[in-house]
Amino acid sequence: QLQASGGGLVRAGGALRLSCEASERTFSSYAMGWFRQAPGKEREFAAAIDWSGGRTHYADSVQGRFTVSRDNAKNTVYLRMTSLKPEDTAVYYCAAQLYGSGSSDLSDYKYWGQGTLVTVSS
């Protein structure tokens, strides 16, 4: 199970850090992704990190503003979001990809968290 937290209301230009804790003891076997879904839109890729934390990649829309990291000792992946924009408003989901490198394709992820809402006001 994946439990996402850290969402909330923030003004444009502000920052938030999302967390996603996994109950799986083999957490380090999974690449982790963050996806988001804005109202009325499809779920889209935001960021991903491989099992070791050594490789990350980002959607163009968040590159340079978001940072994904993980602490395998705590079974937790993080998404640090800075310079937030109103268009970043969405429900953010974490997801786990077994033995992957951190895909941007939703279908590659087997396990999903429940989502945490981020609202950025202008």
N, C-alpha and C. Protein backbone atom coordinates (compact mmCIF):
# COMPACT_ATOMS: atom_id res chain seq x y z
N GLN A 1 0.84 -1.20 0.00
CA GLN A 1 0.00 0.00 0.00
C GLN A 1 0.87 1.25 0.00
N LEU A 2 0.37 2.27 -0.68
CA LEU A 2 1.07 3.55 -0.76
C LEU A 2 0.18 4.62 -0.14
N GLN A 3 0.76 5.42 0.71
CA GLN A 3 0.03 6.47 1.41
C GLN A 3 0.68 7.81 1.10
N ALA A 4 0.00 8.62 0.30
CA ALA A 4 0.52 9.94 -0.05
C ALA A 4 0.00 10.99 0.91
N SER A 5 0.83 12.00 1.17
CA SER A 5 0.44 13.08 2.07
C SER A 5 1.22 14.33 1.71
N GLY A 6 0.83 15.44 2.32
CA GLY A 6 1.56 16.69 2.15
C GLY A 6 0.90 17.71 1.26
N GLY A 7 -0.20 17.36 0.66
CA GLY A 7 -0.89 18.33 -0.18
C GLY A 7 -1.52 19.44 0.64
N GLY A 8 -1.98 20.47 -0.04
CA GLY A 8 -2.61 21.59 0.64
C GLY A 8 -2.79 22.76 -0.28
N LEU A 9 -3.13 23.88 0.32
CA LEU A 9 -3.34 25.13 -0.42
C LEU A 9 -2.11 26.01 -0.27
N VAL A 10 -1.61 26.49 -1.39
CA VAL A 10 -0.42 27.34 -1.38
C VAL A 10 -0.58 28.42 -2.43
N ARG A 11 0.04 29.55 -2.20
CA ARG A 11 -0.02 30.62 -3.17
C ARG A 11 0.99 30.38 -4.29
N ALA A 12 0.71 30.95 -5.43
CA ALA A 12 1.64 30.86 -6.55
C ALA A 12 3.02 31.36 -6.13
N GLY A 13 4.04 30.62 -6.54
CA GLY A 13 5.40 30.93 -6.14
C GLY A 13 5.85 30.20 -4.91
N GLY A 14 4.92 29.58 -4.21
CA GLY A 14 5.22 28.87 -2.99
C GLY A 14 5.75 27.47 -3.24
N ALA A 15 5.90 26.72 -2.14
CA ALA A 15 6.48 25.39 -2.22
C ALA A 15 5.73 24.43 -1.31
N LEU A 16 5.79 23.16 -1.68
CA LEU A 16 5.23 22.08 -0.88
C LEU A 16 6.12 20.87 -1.04
N ARG A 17 6.09 19.99 -0.07
CA ARG A 17 6.76 18.71 -0.21
C ARG A 17 5.74 17.60 0.04
N LEU A 18 5.58 16.77 -0.96
CA LEU A 18 4.72 15.61 -0.85
C LEU A 18 5.54 14.41 -0.39
N SER A 19 4.89 13.53 0.35
CA SER A 19 5.52 12.29 0.78
C SER A 19 4.64 11.12 0.38
N CYS A 20 5.26 10.01 0.17
CA CYS A 20 4.52 8.79 -0.14
C CYS A 20 5.23 7.65 0.57
N GLU A 21 4.54 7.09 1.55
CA GLU A 21 5.13 6.01 2.33
C GLU A 21 4.55 4.68 1.87
N ALA A 22 5.43 3.71 1.71
CA ALA A 22 5.02 2.38 1.28
C ALA A 22 5.09 1.40 2.43
N SER A 23 4.14 0.51 2.46
CA SER A 23 4.13 -0.52 3.49
C SER A 23 4.92 -1.74 3.06
N GLU A 24 5.31 -1.76 1.81
CA GLU A 24 6.02 -2.90 1.23
C GLU A 24 7.45 -2.97 1.74
N ARG A 25 7.84 -4.13 2.28
CA ARG A 25 9.19 -4.28 2.82
C ARG A 25 10.24 -4.27 1.72
N THR A 26 9.83 -4.61 0.49
CA THR A 26 10.77 -4.62 -0.62
C THR A 26 10.69 -3.33 -1.43
N PHE A 27 10.45 -2.25 -0.73
CA PHE A 27 10.30 -0.93 -1.37
C PHE A 27 11.43 -0.62 -2.32
N SER A 28 12.65 -1.01 -1.97
CA SER A 28 13.81 -0.68 -2.79
C SER A 28 13.82 -1.43 -4.12
N SER A 29 12.90 -2.36 -4.30
CA SER A 29 12.79 -3.08 -5.58
C SER A 29 11.96 -2.31 -6.60
N TYR A 30 11.36 -1.22 -6.14
CA TYR A 30 10.42 -0.49 -6.98
C TYR A 30 10.97 0.88 -7.40
N ALA A 31 10.83 1.17 -8.66
CA ALA A 31 10.94 2.56 -9.09
C ALA A 31 9.63 3.24 -8.69
N MET A 32 9.70 4.52 -8.43
CA MET A 32 8.53 5.26 -7.97
C MET A 32 8.25 6.44 -8.88
N GLY A 33 6.98 6.65 -9.11
CA GLY A 33 6.58 7.78 -9.94
C GLY A 33 5.57 8.66 -9.24
N TRP A 34 5.56 9.91 -9.67
CA TRP A 34 4.53 10.85 -9.25
C TRP A 34 3.75 11.26 -10.50
N PHE A 35 2.46 11.19 -10.40
CA PHE A 35 1.56 11.59 -11.46
C PHE A 35 0.56 12.59 -10.89
N ARG A 36 -0.09 13.31 -11.77
CA ARG A 36 -1.08 14.26 -11.29
C ARG A 36 -2.26 14.32 -12.22
N GLN A 37 -3.38 14.69 -11.66
CA GLN A 37 -4.61 14.78 -12.45
C GLN A 37 -5.35 16.05 -12.06
N ALA A 38 -5.40 16.96 -13.00
CA ALA A 38 -6.12 18.21 -12.79
C ALA A 38 -7.60 18.00 -13.09
N PRO A 39 -8.46 18.84 -12.55
CA PRO A 39 -9.90 18.70 -12.78
C PRO A 39 -10.22 18.67 -14.27
N GLY A 40 -10.95 17.65 -14.69
CA GLY A 40 -11.38 17.55 -16.08
C GLY A 40 -10.31 17.09 -17.04
N LYS A 41 -9.15 16.72 -16.52
CA LYS A 41 -8.06 16.31 -17.40
C LYS A 41 -7.62 14.89 -17.08
N GLU A 42 -6.86 14.31 -17.99
CA GLU A 42 -6.34 12.97 -17.76
C GLU A 42 -5.14 13.02 -16.81
N ARG A 43 -4.89 11.90 -16.19
CA ARG A 43 -3.73 11.79 -15.31
C ARG A 43 -2.46 11.86 -16.16
N GLU A 44 -1.49 12.62 -15.66
CA GLU A 44 -0.27 12.80 -16.41
C GLU A 44 0.96 12.59 -15.54
N PHE A 45 2.05 12.27 -16.20
CA PHE A 45 3.31 12.04 -15.52
C PHE A 45 3.90 13.36 -15.03
N ALA A 46 4.50 13.31 -13.83
CA ALA A 46 5.21 14.49 -13.31
C ALA A 46 6.69 14.19 -13.10
N ALA A 47 6.98 13.10 -12.37
CA ALA A 47 8.38 12.80 -12.04
C ALA A 47 8.52 11.33 -11.68
N ALA A 48 9.73 10.81 -11.79
CA ALA A 48 9.99 9.43 -11.42
C ALA A 48 11.42 9.28 -10.96
N ILE A 49 11.63 8.22 -10.18
CA ILE A 49 12.96 7.94 -9.64
C ILE A 49 13.18 6.44 -9.65
N ASP A 50 14.39 6.02 -9.96
CA ASP A 50 14.65 4.58 -10.00
C ASP A 50 14.81 4.04 -8.59
N TRP A 51 15.04 2.72 -8.48
CA TRP A 51 15.05 2.07 -7.18
C TRP A 51 16.12 2.59 -6.25
N SER A 52 17.24 3.02 -6.82
CA SER A 52 18.36 3.45 -5.99
C SER A 52 18.34 4.94 -5.67
N GLY A 53 17.55 5.67 -6.43
CA GLY A 53 17.57 7.13 -6.28
C GLY A 53 18.61 7.79 -7.15
N GLY A 54 19.33 6.98 -7.93
CA GLY A 54 20.39 7.53 -8.74
C GLY A 54 19.95 8.11 -10.07
N ARG A 55 18.75 7.78 -10.48
CA ARG A 55 18.25 8.27 -11.77
C ARG A 55 16.85 8.84 -11.58
N THR A 56 16.69 10.04 -12.07
CA THR A 56 15.38 10.68 -12.00
C THR A 56 15.04 11.26 -13.37
N HIS A 57 13.75 11.45 -13.61
CA HIS A 57 13.39 12.25 -14.76
C HIS A 57 12.04 12.89 -14.53
N TYR A 58 11.81 13.94 -15.30
CA TYR A 58 10.71 14.86 -15.05
C TYR A 58 9.98 15.20 -16.33
N ALA A 59 8.72 15.51 -16.17
CA ALA A 59 7.97 16.09 -17.27
C ALA A 59 8.52 17.49 -17.55
N ASP A 60 8.44 17.90 -18.79
CA ASP A 60 8.95 19.22 -19.16
C ASP A 60 8.29 20.33 -18.34
N SER A 61 7.04 20.12 -18.00
CA SER A 61 6.28 21.16 -17.32
C SER A 61 6.74 21.41 -15.89
N VAL A 62 7.48 20.45 -15.32
CA VAL A 62 7.92 20.61 -13.93
C VAL A 62 9.44 20.63 -13.79
N GLN A 63 10.12 20.36 -14.89
CA GLN A 63 11.59 20.33 -14.87
C GLN A 63 12.15 21.64 -14.31
N GLY A 64 13.07 21.49 -13.36
CA GLY A 64 13.69 22.67 -12.76
C GLY A 64 12.93 23.23 -11.57
N ARG A 65 11.70 22.77 -11.37
CA ARG A 65 10.90 23.26 -10.24
C ARG A 65 10.59 22.15 -9.23
N PHE A 66 10.47 20.93 -9.71
CA PHE A 66 10.17 19.79 -8.85
C PHE A 66 11.41 18.92 -8.70
N THR A 67 11.53 18.30 -7.52
CA THR A 67 12.62 17.37 -7.26
C THR A 67 12.07 16.13 -6.58
N VAL A 68 12.32 14.99 -7.19
CA VAL A 68 11.89 13.72 -6.61
C VAL A 68 13.10 13.08 -5.92
N SER A 69 12.85 12.49 -4.75
CA SER A 69 13.90 11.81 -4.00
C SER A 69 13.27 10.67 -3.22
N ARG A 70 14.12 9.84 -2.66
CA ARG A 70 13.60 8.72 -1.88
C ARG A 70 14.54 8.38 -0.75
N ASP A 71 13.97 7.79 0.29
CA ASP A 71 14.72 7.28 1.42
C ASP A 71 14.28 5.83 1.60
N ASN A 72 15.07 4.91 1.11
CA ASN A 72 14.68 3.50 1.16
C ASN A 72 14.64 2.97 2.59
N ALA A 73 15.39 3.56 3.48
CA ALA A 73 15.35 3.13 4.88
C ALA A 73 14.01 3.47 5.53
N LYS A 74 13.34 4.48 4.99
CA LYS A 74 12.04 4.90 5.52
C LYS A 74 10.89 4.49 4.61
N ASN A 75 11.21 3.76 3.53
CA ASN A 75 10.17 3.33 2.59
C ASN A 75 9.35 4.52 2.08
N THR A 76 10.02 5.61 1.80
CA THR A 76 9.31 6.84 1.46
C THR A 76 9.94 7.51 0.24
N VAL A 77 9.07 8.01 -0.61
CA VAL A 77 9.49 8.84 -1.74
C VAL A 77 8.89 10.23 -1.55
N TYR A 78 9.64 11.22 -1.99
CA TYR A 78 9.23 12.61 -1.80
C TYR A 78 9.14 13.34 -3.14
N LEU A 79 8.33 14.36 -3.15
CA LEU A 79 8.29 15.28 -4.29
C LEU A 79 8.33 16.69 -3.74
N ARG A 80 9.45 17.34 -3.92
CA ARG A 80 9.61 18.72 -3.51
C ARG A 80 9.19 19.60 -4.68
N MET A 81 8.21 20.46 -4.44
CA MET A 81 7.66 21.31 -5.48
C MET A 81 7.91 22.76 -5.11
N THR A 82 8.56 23.47 -5.97
CA THR A 82 8.83 24.89 -5.74
C THR A 82 8.31 25.71 -6.92
N SER A 83 8.30 27.02 -6.73
CA SER A 83 7.81 27.95 -7.76
C SER A 83 6.48 27.47 -8.33
N LEU A 84 5.60 27.11 -7.44
CA LEU A 84 4.33 26.54 -7.87
C LEU A 84 3.48 27.54 -8.64
N LYS A 85 2.75 27.01 -9.61
CA LYS A 85 1.90 27.79 -10.47
C LYS A 85 0.46 27.31 -10.33
N PRO A 86 -0.50 28.15 -10.64
CA PRO A 86 -1.90 27.69 -10.58
C PRO A 86 -2.15 26.44 -11.43
N GLU A 87 -1.44 26.31 -12.53
CA GLU A 87 -1.63 25.14 -13.39
C GLU A 87 -1.05 23.86 -12.79
N ASP A 88 -0.37 23.96 -11.66
CA ASP A 88 0.08 22.77 -10.94
C ASP A 88 -1.03 22.20 -10.05
N THR A 89 -2.13 22.89 -9.95
CA THR A 89 -3.25 22.41 -9.16
C THR A 89 -3.75 21.08 -9.69
N ALA A 90 -3.78 20.08 -8.82
CA ALA A 90 -4.15 18.73 -9.23
C ALA A 90 -4.15 17.82 -8.00
N VAL A 91 -4.70 16.65 -8.20
CA VAL A 91 -4.49 15.57 -7.24
C VAL A 91 -3.22 14.85 -7.66
N TYR A 92 -2.31 14.70 -6.72
CA TYR A 92 -1.02 14.08 -6.99
C TYR A 92 -1.02 12.65 -6.46
N TYR A 93 -0.61 11.74 -7.30
CA TYR A 93 -0.58 10.32 -6.97
C TYR A 93 0.85 9.80 -7.03
N CYS A 94 1.19 8.94 -6.07
CA CYS A 94 2.44 8.21 -6.19
C CYS A 94 2.11 6.81 -6.68
N ALA A 95 3.08 6.21 -7.34
CA ALA A 95 2.87 4.89 -7.92
C ALA A 95 4.18 4.12 -7.91
N ALA A 96 4.07 2.80 -7.89
CA ALA A 96 5.24 1.93 -7.80
C ALA A 96 5.35 1.04 -9.02
N GLN A 97 6.56 0.97 -9.56
CA GLN A 97 6.87 0.16 -10.74
C GLN A 97 7.91 -0.87 -10.34
N LEU A 98 7.51 -2.14 -10.36
CA LEU A 98 8.41 -3.20 -9.93
C LEU A 98 9.56 -3.37 -10.90
N TYR A 99 10.76 -3.31 -10.38
CA TYR A 99 12.00 -3.52 -11.14
C TYR A 99 12.16 -2.55 -12.31
N GLY A 100 11.50 -1.45 -12.24
CA GLY A 100 11.59 -0.49 -13.34
C GLY A 100 12.64 0.58 -13.08
N SER A 101 12.79 1.46 -14.05
CA SER A 101 13.75 2.55 -13.92
C SER A 101 13.05 3.89 -13.71
N GLY A 102 11.72 3.86 -13.67
CA GLY A 102 10.97 5.10 -13.49
C GLY A 102 10.37 5.55 -14.80
N SER A 103 9.32 4.88 -15.20
CA SER A 103 8.68 5.16 -16.49
C SER A 103 7.75 6.36 -16.39
N SER A 104 7.49 6.98 -17.52
CA SER A 104 6.50 8.05 -17.59
C SER A 104 5.13 7.52 -18.05
N ASP A 105 5.06 6.24 -18.27
CA ASP A 105 3.83 5.60 -18.76
C ASP A 105 3.03 5.06 -17.59
N LEU A 106 1.80 5.54 -17.42
CA LEU A 106 0.96 5.11 -16.31
C LEU A 106 0.80 3.59 -16.27
N SER A 107 0.70 2.97 -17.41
CA SER A 107 0.41 1.55 -17.47
C SER A 107 1.55 0.69 -16.94
N ASP A 108 2.72 1.27 -16.76
CA ASP A 108 3.86 0.51 -16.23
C ASP A 108 3.84 0.39 -14.72
N TYR A 109 2.93 1.09 -14.08
CA TYR A 109 2.89 1.12 -12.62
C TYR A 109 1.78 0.21 -12.10
N LYS A 110 2.15 -0.65 -11.18
CA LYS A 110 1.21 -1.65 -10.68
C LYS A 110 0.44 -1.16 -9.46
N TYR A 111 1.10 -0.40 -8.61
CA TYR A 111 0.48 0.03 -7.35
C TYR A 111 0.36 1.55 -7.32
N TRP A 112 -0.78 2.00 -6.79
CA TRP A 112 -1.06 3.43 -6.74
C TRP A 112 -1.51 3.84 -5.34
N GLY A 113 -1.10 5.03 -4.95
CA GLY A 113 -1.60 5.61 -3.72
C GLY A 113 -2.95 6.29 -3.95
N GLN A 114 -3.51 6.82 -2.90
CA GLN A 114 -4.86 7.37 -2.97
C GLN A 114 -4.90 8.81 -3.47
N GLY A 115 -3.77 9.47 -3.55
CA GLY A 115 -3.74 10.84 -4.05
C GLY A 115 -3.82 11.87 -2.94
N THR A 116 -3.17 12.99 -3.18
CA THR A 116 -3.23 14.12 -2.25
C THR A 116 -3.43 15.39 -3.08
N LEU A 117 -4.33 16.24 -2.64
CA LEU A 117 -4.72 17.41 -3.42
C LEU A 117 -3.78 18.59 -3.17
N VAL A 118 -3.30 19.15 -4.26
CA VAL A 118 -2.49 20.37 -4.23
C VAL A 118 -3.28 21.46 -4.95
N THR A 119 -3.50 22.56 -4.26
CA THR A 119 -4.21 23.69 -4.85
C THR A 119 -3.30 24.91 -4.78
N VAL A 120 -3.04 25.50 -5.94
CA VAL A 120 -2.19 26.68 -6.02
C VAL A 120 -3.05 27.87 -6.41
N SER A 121 -3.11 28.84 -5.53
CA SER A 121 -3.93 30.02 -5.81
C SER A 121 -3.09 31.11 -6.48
N SER A 122 -3.73 31.88 -7.31
CA SER A 122 -3.01 32.95 -8.04
C SER A 122 -2.95 34.24 -7.25
